[in-house]
PDB file of N, CA and C in Angstrom:
ATOM      1  N   ILE A   1      23.015 139.974  18.103  1.00  0.00           N
ATOM      2  CA  ILE A   1      23.289 139.244  16.655  1.00  0.00           C
ATOM      3  C   ILE A   1      24.570 140.138  16.158  1.00  0.00           C
ATOM      4  N   LYS A   2      25.400 139.572  15.951  1.00  0.00           N
ATOM      5  CA  LYS A   2      26.562 140.148  15.378  1.00  0.00           C
ATOM      6  C   LYS A   2      26.893 140.306  13.806  1.00  0.00           C
ATOM      7  N   ILE A   3      27.342 141.597  13.339  1.00  0.00           N
ATOM      8  CA  ILE A   3      27.275 141.223  11.918  1.00  0.00           C
ATOM      9  C   ILE A   3      28.750 141.604  11.462  1.00  0.00           C
ATOM     10  N   TRP A   4      29.236 140.545  10.703  1.00  0.00           N
ATOM     11  CA  TRP A   4      30.873 140.699  10.574  1.00  0.00           C
ATOM     12  C   TRP A   4      30.987 141.338   8.937  1.00  0.00           C
ATOM     13  N   ASP A   5      32.001 142.023   8.884  1.00  0.00           N
ATOM     14  CA  ASP A   5      32.398 142.457   7.451  1.00  0.00           C
ATOM     15  C   ASP A   5      33.074 141.100   6.778  1.00  0.00           C
ATOM     16  N   ALA A   6      32.838 140.329   5.838  1.00  0.00           N
ATOM     17  CA  ALA A   6      33.363 139.283   4.999  1.00  0.00           C
ATOM     18  C   ALA A   6      34.744 139.706   4.328  1.00  0.00           C
ATOM     19  N   ALA A   7      34.934 140.940   4.166  1.00  0.00           N
ATOM     20  CA  ALA A   7      35.907 140.928   3.414  1.00  0.00           C
ATOM     21  C   ALA A   7      37.339 141.396   4.456  1.00  0.00           C
ATOM     22  N   THR A   8      36.847 142.096   5.605  1.00  0.00           N
ATOM     23  CA  THR A   8      38.073 142.462   6.619  1.00  0.00           C
ATOM     24  C   THR A   8      37.962 141.487   7.550  1.00  0.00           C
ATOM     25  N   GLY A   9      36.746 140.546   8.151  1.00  0.00           N
ATOM     26  CA  GLY A   9      36.808 139.803   9.075  1.00  0.00           C
ATOM     27  C   GLY A   9      36.390 140.611  10.403  1.00  0.00           C
ATOM     28  N   LYS A  10      36.137 141.865  10.109  1.00  0.00           N
ATOM     29  CA  LYS A  10      35.865 142.880  11.570  1.00  0.00           C
ATOM     30  C   LYS A  10      34.636 143.228  11.798  1.00  0.00           C
ATOM     31  N   LEU A  11      34.106 143.199  13.104  1.00  0.00           N
ATOM     32  CA  LEU A  11      32.865 143.367  13.372  1.00  0.00           C
ATOM     33  C   LEU A  11      32.453 144.800  12.905  1.00  0.00           C
ATOM     34  N   SER A  12      31.236 144.608  12.114  1.00  0.00           N
ATOM     35  CA  SER A  12      30.659 145.648  11.641  1.00  0.00           C
ATOM     36  C   SER A  12      29.706 146.425  12.197  1.00  0.00           C
ATOM     37  N   GLY A  13      28.823 145.430  13.085  1.00  0.00           N
ATOM     38  CA  GLY A  13      27.751 145.854  14.112  1.00  0.00           C
ATOM     39  C   GLY A  13      27.213 145.019  15.070  1.00  0.00           C
ATOM     40  N   VAL A  14      26.193 145.601  15.720  1.00  0.00           N
ATOM     41  CA  VAL A  14      25.415 144.365  16.739  1.00  0.00           C
ATOM     42  C   VAL A  14      24.008 144.744  16.446  1.00  0.00           C
ATOM     43  N   LEU A  15      23.372 143.881  16.484  1.00  0.00           N
ATOM     44  CA  LEU A  15      21.863 144.201  16.336  1.00  0.00           C
ATOM     45  C   LEU A  15      21.089 143.639  17.883  1.00  0.00           C
ATOM     46  N   TRP A  16      20.672 144.638  18.458  1.00  0.00           N
ATOM     47  CA  TRP A  16      19.636 144.427  19.474  1.00  0.00           C
ATOM     48  C   TRP A  16      18.106 143.884  19.545  1.00  0.00           C
ATOM     49  N   GLY A  17      17.550 143.322  20.647  1.00  0.00           N
ATOM     50  CA  GLY A  17      16.150 143.120  20.376  1.00  0.00           C
ATOM     51  C   GLY A  17      15.737 141.793  20.507  1.00  0.00           C
ATOM     52  N   MET A  18      16.726 140.597  20.269  1.00  0.00           N
ATOM     53  CA  MET A  18      16.287 139.570  20.710  1.00  0.00           C
ATOM     54  C   MET A  18      15.776 139.312  22.112  1.00  0.00           C
ATOM     55  N   ARG A  19      15.060 138.604  22.713  1.00  0.00           N
ATOM     56  CA  ARG A  19      14.537 138.300  24.124  1.00  0.00           C
ATOM     57  C   ARG A  19      15.303 136.942  24.577  1.00  0.00           C
ATOM     58  N   LYS A  20      15.223 135.953  23.353  1.00  0.00           N
ATOM     59  CA  LYS A  20      15.461 134.949  23.696  1.00  0.00           C
ATOM     60  C   LYS A  20      16.545 134.155  22.680  1.00  0.00           C
ATOM     61  N   ARG A  21      16.774 133.136  22.563  1.00  0.00           N
ATOM     62  CA  ARG A  21      17.891 132.475  22.071  1.00  0.00           C
ATOM     63  C   ARG A  21      17.122 132.860  20.012  1.00  0.00           C
ATOM     64  N   VAL A  22      18.132 132.726  19.429  1.00  0.00           N
ATOM     65  CA  VAL A  22      18.195 133.281  17.949  1.00  0.00           C
ATOM     66  C   VAL A  22      17.979 131.813  17.411  1.00  0.00           C
ATOM     67  N   LEU A  23      16.953 131.293  16.513  1.00  0.00           N
ATOM     68  CA  LEU A  23      16.798 130.054  15.723  1.00  0.00           C
ATOM     69  C   LEU A  23      17.098 130.174  14.363  1.00  0.00           C
ATOM     70  N   SER A  24      16.764 131.527  13.772  1.00  0.00           N
ATOM     71  CA  SER A  24      17.396 131.550  12.129  1.00  0.00           C
ATOM     72  C   SER A  24      17.149 133.192  11.813  1.00  0.00           C
ATOM     73  N   ILE A  25      18.343 133.244  11.081  1.00  0.00           N
ATOM     74  CA  ILE A  25      18.406 134.508  10.431  1.00  0.00           C
ATOM     75  C   ILE A  25      18.309 134.363   8.926  1.00  0.00           C
ATOM     76  N   ALA A  26      17.685 135.506   8.404  1.00  0.00           N
ATOM     77  CA  ALA A  26      17.930 135.951   6.581  1.00  0.00           C
ATOM     78  C   ALA A  26      17.981 137.141   6.493  1.00  0.00           C
ATOM     79  N   PHE A  27      18.951 137.395   5.287  1.00  0.00           N
ATOM     80  CA  PHE A  27      19.219 138.647   4.960  1.00  0.00           C
ATOM     81  C   PHE A  27      17.934 138.931   3.616  1.00  0.00           C
ATOM     82  N   SER A  28      17.592 140.087   3.465  1.00  0.00           N
ATOM     83  CA  SER A  28      16.706 140.693   2.369  1.00  0.00           C
ATOM     84  C   SER A  28      17.559 140.378   1.165  1.00  0.00           C
ATOM     85  N   PRO A  29      16.649 140.012  -0.277  1.00  0.00           N
ATOM     86  CA  PRO A  29      17.500 139.891  -1.485  1.00  0.00           C
ATOM     87  C   PRO A  29      18.450 141.194  -1.980  1.00  0.00           C
ATOM     88  N   LYS A  30      18.332 142.406  -1.323  1.00  0.00           N
ATOM     89  CA  LYS A  30      19.286 143.495  -1.666  1.00  0.00           C
ATOM     90  C   LYS A  30      20.010 143.443  -0.271  1.00  0.00           C
ATOM     91  N   GLY A  31      20.190 142.631   0.633  1.00  0.00           N
ATOM     92  CA  GLY A  31      21.112 142.592   1.781  1.00  0.00           C
ATOM     93  C   GLY A  31      20.829 143.885   2.553  1.00  0.00           C
ATOM     94  N   ASP A  32      19.945 144.507   2.760  1.00  0.00           N
ATOM     95  CA  ASP A  32      19.719 145.936   3.245  1.00  0.00           C
ATOM     96  C   ASP A  32      19.202 145.637   4.453  1.00  0.00           C
ATOM     97  N   ARG A  33      18.331 144.761   4.664  1.00  0.00           N
ATOM     98  CA  ARG A  33      17.566 144.238   5.697  1.00  0.00           C
ATOM     99  C   ARG A  33      18.016 142.883   6.393  1.00  0.00           C
ATOM    100  N   VAL A  34      17.850 142.593   7.677  1.00  0.00           N
ATOM    101  CA  VAL A  34      18.135 141.244   8.172  1.00  0.00           C
ATOM    102  C   VAL A  34      16.956 140.839   9.352  1.00  0.00           C
ATOM    103  N   ALA A  35      16.333 139.789   9.219  1.00  0.00           N
ATOM    104  CA  ALA A  35      15.540 139.160   9.959  1.00  0.00           C
ATOM    105  C   ALA A  35      15.933 138.040  10.985  1.00  0.00           C
ATOM    106  N   ALA A  36      15.478 138.065  11.942  1.00  0.00           N
ATOM    107  CA  ALA A  36      15.796 137.264  13.108  1.00  0.00           C
ATOM    108  C   ALA A  36      14.377 136.844  13.714  1.00  0.00           C
ATOM    109  N   ALA A  37      14.574 135.263  13.899  1.00  0.00           N
ATOM    110  CA  ALA A  37      13.677 134.666  14.852  1.00  0.00           C
ATOM    111  C   ALA A  37      13.932 134.220  15.696  1.00  0.00           C
ATOM    112  N   GLY A  38      13.255 133.460  16.571  1.00  0.00           N
ATOM    113  CA  GLY A  38      13.701 132.347  17.764  1.00  0.00           C
ATOM    114  C   GLY A  38      12.799 132.183  18.738  1.00  0.00           C
ATOM    115  N   GLU A  39      13.112 131.645  19.888  1.00  0.00           N
ATOM    116  CA  GLU A  39      12.342 131.053  20.958  1.00  0.00           C
ATOM    117  C   GLU A  39      11.245 131.675  21.424  1.00  0.00           C
ATOM    118  N   ASP A  40      11.413 133.366  21.382  1.00  0.00           N
ATOM    119  CA  ASP A  40      10.286 134.135  21.984  1.00  0.00           C
ATOM    120  C   ASP A  40       8.988 134.065  20.859  1.00  0.00           C
ATOM    121  N   GLY A  41       9.023 133.206  19.607  1.00  0.00           N
ATOM    122  CA  GLY A  41       7.994 133.432  18.772  1.00  0.00           C
ATOM    123  C   GLY A  41       7.971 134.773  17.866  1.00  0.00           C
ATOM    124  N   GLY A  42       8.895 135.470  18.221  1.00  0.00           N
ATOM    125  CA  GLY A  42       8.408 136.839  17.399  1.00  0.00           C
ATOM    126  C   GLY A  42       9.587 136.941  16.318  1.00  0.00           C
ATOM    127  N   ILE A  43       9.446 137.805  15.247  1.00  0.00           N
ATOM    128  CA  ILE A  43      10.619 137.989  14.047  1.00  0.00           C
ATOM    129  C   ILE A  43      10.563 139.265  14.194  1.00  0.00           C
ATOM    130  N   ARG A  44      12.197 139.758  14.018  1.00  0.00           N
ATOM    131  CA  ARG A  44      12.282 141.265  14.228  1.00  0.00           C
ATOM    132  C   ARG A  44      12.972 141.624  13.196  1.00  0.00           C
ATOM    133  N   VAL A  45      13.054 142.680  12.472  1.00  0.00           N
ATOM    134  CA  VAL A  45      13.655 143.110  11.079  1.00  0.00           C
ATOM    135  C   VAL A  45      14.656 144.446  11.537  1.00  0.00           C
ATOM    136  N   TRP A  46      15.890 144.239  10.934  1.00  0.00           N
ATOM    137  CA  TRP A  46      16.714 145.407  11.144  1.00  0.00           C
ATOM    138  C   TRP A  46      17.374 146.026  10.227  1.00  0.00           C
ATOM    139  N   ASN A  47      17.613 147.229  10.065  1.00  0.00           N
ATOM    140  CA  ASN A  47      18.597 148.067   8.662  1.00  0.00           C
ATOM    141  C   ASN A  47      19.937 147.512   9.115  1.00  0.00           C
ATOM    142  N   VAL A  48      20.503 146.714   8.068  1.00  0.00           N
ATOM    143  CA  VAL A  48      21.795 146.347   8.410  1.00  0.00           C
ATOM    144  C   VAL A  48      22.821 147.512   8.378  1.00  0.00           C
ATOM    145  N   ALA A  49      22.871 148.858   7.701  1.00  0.00           N
ATOM    146  CA  ALA A  49      23.679 149.582   7.815  1.00  0.00           C
ATOM    147  C   ALA A  49      23.693 150.519   9.129  1.00  0.00           C
ATOM    148  N   THR A  50      22.575 150.872   9.541  1.00  0.00           N
ATOM    149  CA  THR A  50      22.623 151.489  10.729  1.00  0.00           C
ATOM    150  C   THR A  50      22.123 150.538  11.934  1.00  0.00           C
ATOM    151  N   GLY A  51      21.760 149.434  11.793  1.00  0.00           N
ATOM    152  CA  GLY A  51      21.280 148.758  13.003  1.00  0.00           C
ATOM    153  C   GLY A  51      19.855 148.835  13.659  1.00  0.00           C
ATOM    154  N   GLU A  52      19.430 149.870  13.085  1.00  0.00           N
ATOM    155  CA  GLU A  52      17.910 150.297  13.610  1.00  0.00           C
ATOM    156  C   GLU A  52      17.326 149.152  13.273  1.00  0.00           C
ATOM    157  N   LEU A  53      16.205 148.803  14.530  1.00  0.00           N
ATOM    158  CA  LEU A  53      15.130 147.773  14.691  1.00  0.00           C
ATOM    159  C   LEU A  53      14.176 148.514  13.922  1.00  0.00           C
ATOM    160  N   LEU A  54      13.415 147.761  12.537  1.00  0.00           N
ATOM    161  CA  LEU A  54      12.574 148.437  11.933  1.00  0.00           C
ATOM    162  C   LEU A  54      11.078 147.848  12.123  1.00  0.00           C
ATOM    163  N   LYS A  55      11.301 146.614  12.740  1.00  0.00           N
ATOM    164  CA  LYS A  55       9.919 146.109  12.909  1.00  0.00           C
ATOM    165  C   LYS A  55      10.271 144.620  13.881  1.00  0.00           C
ATOM    166  N   VAL A  56       8.979 144.712  14.720  1.00  0.00           N
ATOM    167  CA  VAL A  56       8.603 143.557  15.484  1.00  0.00           C
ATOM    168  C   VAL A  56       7.556 143.138  14.902  1.00  0.00           C
ATOM    169  N   LEU A  57       7.529 141.731  14.528  1.00  0.00           N
ATOM    170  CA  LEU A  57       6.449 140.698  13.895  1.00  0.00           C
ATOM    171  C   LEU A  57       5.852 139.801  15.032  1.00  0.00           C
ATOM    172  N   ALA A  58       4.857 140.028  15.660  1.00  0.00           N
ATOM    173  CA  ALA A  58       4.725 139.010  16.602  1.00  0.00           C
ATOM    174  C   ALA A  58       3.911 137.938  15.851  1.00  0.00           C
ATOM    175  N   THR A  59       4.470 136.539  16.334  1.00  0.00           N
ATOM    176  CA  THR A  59       3.875 135.362  15.808  1.00  0.00           C
ATOM    177  C   THR A  59       3.097 134.774  16.685  1.00  0.00           C
ATOM    178  N   SER A  60       3.381 134.062  17.546  1.00  0.00           N
ATOM    179  CA  SER A  60       3.173 133.203  18.367  1.00  0.00           C
ATOM    180  C   SER A  60       3.776 133.392  19.756  1.00  0.00           C
ATOM    181  N   ASP A  61       3.407 132.665  20.649  1.00  0.00           N
ATOM    182  CA  ASP A  61       4.235 132.644  21.857  1.00  0.00           C
ATOM    183  C   ASP A  61       4.928 130.999  22.095  1.00  0.00           C
ATOM    184  N   GLU A  62       5.223 130.555  20.492  1.00  0.00           N
ATOM    185  CA  GLU A  62       5.757 129.260  20.294  1.00  0.00           C
ATOM    186  C   GLU A  62       7.179 129.762  19.713  1.00  0.00           C
ATOM    187  N   SER A  63       8.137 128.870  19.929  1.00  0.00           N
ATOM    188  CA  SER A  63       9.246 129.084  18.785  1.00  0.00           C
ATOM    189  C   SER A  63       9.047 129.307  16.963  1.00  0.00           C
ATOM    190  N   THR A  64       9.677 130.233  16.579  1.00  0.00           N
ATOM    191  CA  THR A  64       9.922 130.200  15.104  1.00  0.00           C
ATOM    192  C   THR A  64      11.120 129.673  14.713  1.00  0.00           C
ATOM    193  N   TYR A  65      11.168 128.739  13.921  1.00  0.00           N
ATOM    194  CA  TYR A  65      12.524 128.040  13.761  1.00  0.00           C
ATOM    195  C   TYR A  65      12.815 128.150  12.478  1.00  0.00           C
ATOM    196  N   ALA A  66      12.395 128.748  11.533  1.00  0.00           N
ATOM    197  CA  ALA A  66      13.101 129.112  10.152  1.00  0.00           C
ATOM    198  C   ALA A  66      12.331 130.296   9.736  1.00  0.00           C
ATOM    199  N   ILE A  67      13.020 131.372   9.000  1.00  0.00           N
ATOM    200  CA  ILE A  67      12.439 132.532   8.267  1.00  0.00           C
ATOM    201  C   ILE A  67      13.278 132.611   6.976  1.00  0.00           C
ATOM    202  N   THR A  68      12.259 133.314   5.820  1.00  0.00           N
ATOM    203  CA  THR A  68      13.391 133.765   4.759  1.00  0.00           C
ATOM    204  C   THR A  68      12.640 134.465   4.177  1.00  0.00           C
ATOM    205  N   PHE A  69      13.166 135.707   3.520  1.00  0.00           N
ATOM    206  CA  PHE A  69      12.240 136.634   2.776  1.00  0.00           C
ATOM    207  C   PHE A  69      11.904 136.041   1.515  1.00  0.00           C
ATOM    208  N   SER A  70      10.784 137.017   0.994  1.00  0.00           N
ATOM    209  CA  SER A  70      10.067 136.470  -0.347  1.00  0.00           C
ATOM    210  C   SER A  70      10.900 137.309  -1.631  1.00  0.00           C
ATOM    211  N   HIS A  71      10.886 136.431  -2.626  1.00  0.00           N
ATOM    212  CA  HIS A  71      11.836 136.912  -3.570  1.00  0.00           C
ATOM    213  C   HIS A  71      11.774 138.361  -3.755  1.00  0.00           C
ATOM    214  N   ASP A  72      10.960 139.292  -3.729  1.00  0.00           N
ATOM    215  CA  ASP A  72      10.835 140.801  -3.881  1.00  0.00           C
ATOM    216  C   ASP A  72      11.264 141.344  -2.331  1.00  0.00           C
ATOM    217  N   GLY A  73      11.669 141.085  -1.512  1.00  0.00           N
ATOM    218  CA  GLY A  73      11.867 141.461  -0.059  1.00  0.00           C
ATOM    219  C   GLY A  73      10.573 141.901   0.621  1.00  0.00           C
ATOM    220  N   ALA A  74       9.326 142.185   0.078  1.00  0.00           N
ATOM    221  CA  ALA A  74       8.121 142.654   0.833  1.00  0.00           C
ATOM    222  C   ALA A  74       7.679 141.659   1.747  1.00  0.00           C
ATOM    223  N   GLY A  75       7.818 140.494   1.915  1.00  0.00           N
ATOM    224  CA  GLY A  75       7.365 139.654   2.983  1.00  0.00           C
ATOM    225  C   GLY A  75       8.744 138.553   3.548  1.00  0.00           C
ATOM    226  N   ILE A  76       8.263 137.776   4.517  1.00  0.00           N
ATOM    227  CA  ILE A  76       9.021 137.097   5.237  1.00  0.00           C
ATOM    228  C   ILE A  76       7.992 135.813   5.345  1.00  0.00           C
ATOM    229  N   TYR A  77       8.590 134.416   4.765  1.00  0.00           N
ATOM    230  CA  TYR A  77       7.846 133.318   5.181  1.00  0.00           C
ATOM    231  C   TYR A  77       8.372 132.601   6.346  1.00  0.00           C
ATOM    232  N   SER A  78       7.558 132.197   7.548  1.00  0.00           N
ATOM    233  CA  SER A  78       7.973 131.313   8.521  1.00  0.00           C
ATOM    234  C   SER A  78       7.619 130.119   8.927  1.00  0.00           C
ATOM    235  N   GLY A  79       8.405 129.541   9.563  1.00  0.00           N
ATOM    236  CA  GLY A  79       7.936 128.239  10.055  1.00  0.00           C
ATOM    237  C   GLY A  79       7.858 128.055  11.812  1.00  0.00           C
ATOM    238  N   GLY A  80       6.848 127.514  12.071  1.00  0.00           N
ATOM    239  CA  GLY A  80       6.707 127.252  13.615  1.00  0.00           C
ATOM    240  C   GLY A  80       5.634 128.373  14.073  1.00  0.00           C
ATOM    241  N   CYS A  81       4.837 129.345  13.132  1.00  0.00           N
ATOM    242  CA  CYS A  81       3.901 129.903  13.451  1.00  0.00           C
ATOM    243  C   CYS A  81       2.518 129.490  13.161  1.00  0.00           C
ATOM    244  N   ARG A  82       1.731 129.251  14.162  1.00  0.00           N
ATOM    245  CA  ARG A  82       0.437 128.501  14.089  1.00  0.00           C
ATOM    246  C   ARG A  82      -0.859 129.546  14.306  1.00  0.00           C
ATOM    247  N   TYR A  83      -0.554 130.487  14.715  1.00  0.00           N
ATOM    248  CA  TYR A  83      -1.396 131.798  14.819  1.00  0.00           C
ATOM    249  C   TYR A  83      -1.735 132.764  13.775  1.00  0.00           C
ATOM    250  N   GLU A  84      -2.866 133.493  13.636  1.00  0.00           N
ATOM    251  CA  GLU A  84      -3.054 134.658  12.592  1.00  0.00           C
ATOM    252  C   GLU A  84      -2.223 135.438  13.096  1.00  0.00           C
ATOM    253  N   CYS A  85      -1.391 136.566  12.689  1.00  0.00           N
ATOM    254  CA  CYS A  85      -0.921 137.524  13.001  1.00  0.00           C
ATOM    255  C   CYS A  85      -1.020 138.807  12.269  1.00  0.00           C
ATOM    256  N   PRO A  86      -1.654 139.824  12.992  1.00  0.00           N
ATOM    257  CA  PRO A  86      -2.105 140.952  12.395  1.00  0.00           C
ATOM    258  C   PRO A  86      -0.934 141.924  12.088  1.00  0.00           C
ATOM    259  N   LEU A  87      -0.633 142.645  10.869  1.00  0.00           N
ATOM    260  CA  LEU A  87       0.863 143.057  10.609  1.00  0.00           C
ATOM    261  C   LEU A  87       0.221 144.429  10.231  1.00  0.00           C
ATOM    262  N   GLU A  88      -0.706 144.857   9.456  1.00  0.00           N
ATOM    263  CA  GLU A  88      -1.112 146.098   8.869  1.00  0.00           C
ATOM    264  C   GLU A  88      -2.648 145.920   8.704  1.00  0.00           C
ATOM    265  N   PRO A  89      -3.170 147.277   8.308  1.00  0.00           N
ATOM    266  CA  PRO A  89      -4.814 146.850   8.446  1.00  0.00           C
ATOM    267  C   PRO A  89      -5.250 145.964   6.940  1.00  0.00           C
ATOM    268  N   ARG A  90      -4.286 146.090   5.992  1.00  0.00           N
ATOM    269  CA  ARG A  90      -4.892 145.681   5.019  1.00  0.00           C
ATOM    270  C   ARG A  90      -4.501 144.078   4.374  1.00  0.00           C
ATOM    271  N   ARG A  91      -3.305 143.796   5.477  1.00  0.00           N
ATOM    272  CA  ARG A  91      -2.782 142.451   5.259  1.00  0.00           C
ATOM    273  C   ARG A  91      -2.694 141.746   6.709  1.00  0.00           C
ATOM    274  N   ARG A  92      -2.561 140.442   6.626  1.00  0.00           N
ATOM    275  CA  ARG A  92      -2.611 139.601   7.797  1.00  0.00           C
ATOM    276  C   ARG A  92      -1.952 138.019   7.427  1.00  0.00           C
ATOM    277  N   HIS A  93      -1.422 137.667   8.636  1.00  0.00           N
ATOM    278  CA  HIS A  93      -0.537 136.290   8.317  1.00  0.00           C
ATOM    279  C   HIS A  93      -1.531 135.216   7.564  1.00  0.00           C
ATOM    280  N   SER A  94      -1.075 134.714   6.577  1.00  0.00           N
ATOM    281  CA  SER A  94      -1.905 133.631   6.092  1.00  0.00           C
ATOM    282  C   SER A  94      -0.990 132.840   5.287  1.00  0.00           C
ATOM    283  N   GLY A  95      -0.892 131.187   5.974  1.00  0.00           N
ATOM    284  CA  GLY A  95       0.129 129.991   5.275  1.00  0.00           C
ATOM    285  C   GLY A  95       1.504 130.414   5.344  1.00  0.00           C
ATOM    286  N   GLY A  96       1.995 131.227   6.389  1.00  0.00           N
ATOM    287  CA  GLY A  96       3.196 131.229   6.966  1.00  0.00           C
ATOM    288  C   GLY A  96       3.846 132.452   6.240  1.00  0.00           C
ATOM    289  N   HIS A  97       2.918 133.643   5.560  1.00  0.00           N
ATOM    290  CA  HIS A  97       3.627 134.462   4.805  1.00  0.00           C
ATOM    291  C   HIS A  97       3.380 135.827   5.921  1.00  0.00           C
ATOM    292  N   LEU A  98       4.533 136.704   5.994  1.00  0.00           N
ATOM    293  CA  LEU A  98       4.330 137.714   6.694  1.00  0.00           C
ATOM    294  C   LEU A  98       4.705 138.998   5.896  1.00  0.00           C
ATOM    295  N   GLY A  99       3.752 140.046   5.546  1.00  0.00           N
ATOM    296  CA  GLY A  99       3.931 141.246   4.760  1.00  0.00           C
ATOM    297  C   GLY A  99       4.995 141.854   5.829  1.00  0.00           C
ATOM    298  N   ILE A 100       5.817 142.675   5.430  1.00  0.00           N
ATOM    299  CA  ILE A 100       6.611 143.452   6.328  1.00  0.00           C
ATOM    300  C   ILE A 100       6.451 145.016   5.912  1.00  0.00           C
ATOM    301  N   GLN A 101       6.297 145.508   4.423  1.00  0.00           N
ATOM    302  CA  GLN A 101       6.343 146.832   3.987  1.00  0.00           C
ATOM    303  C   GLN A 101       5.258 147.627   4.871  1.00  0.00           C
TER     304      GLN A 101
END
């Protein structure tokens, strides 16, 4: 995934980690993180400034077609996930919402 500076039109970074075709990309409300989902069924979250891969969320072995951050940036909603996805001890995938903090 390539990140371009809208003001200059120059390439500002490349995000690595997607294993198959990307189907959806979303920026967090603050613009500090970007998430991508695709044909491998997973969702990956990066730090926009550093390009560091912050988290890989396993959704299923099916494609994830759409993602968006929650209004507070604490979670990601996904479309195309049909299985429960353990994320952390206190939170689990439910109704298409993935907690990412």
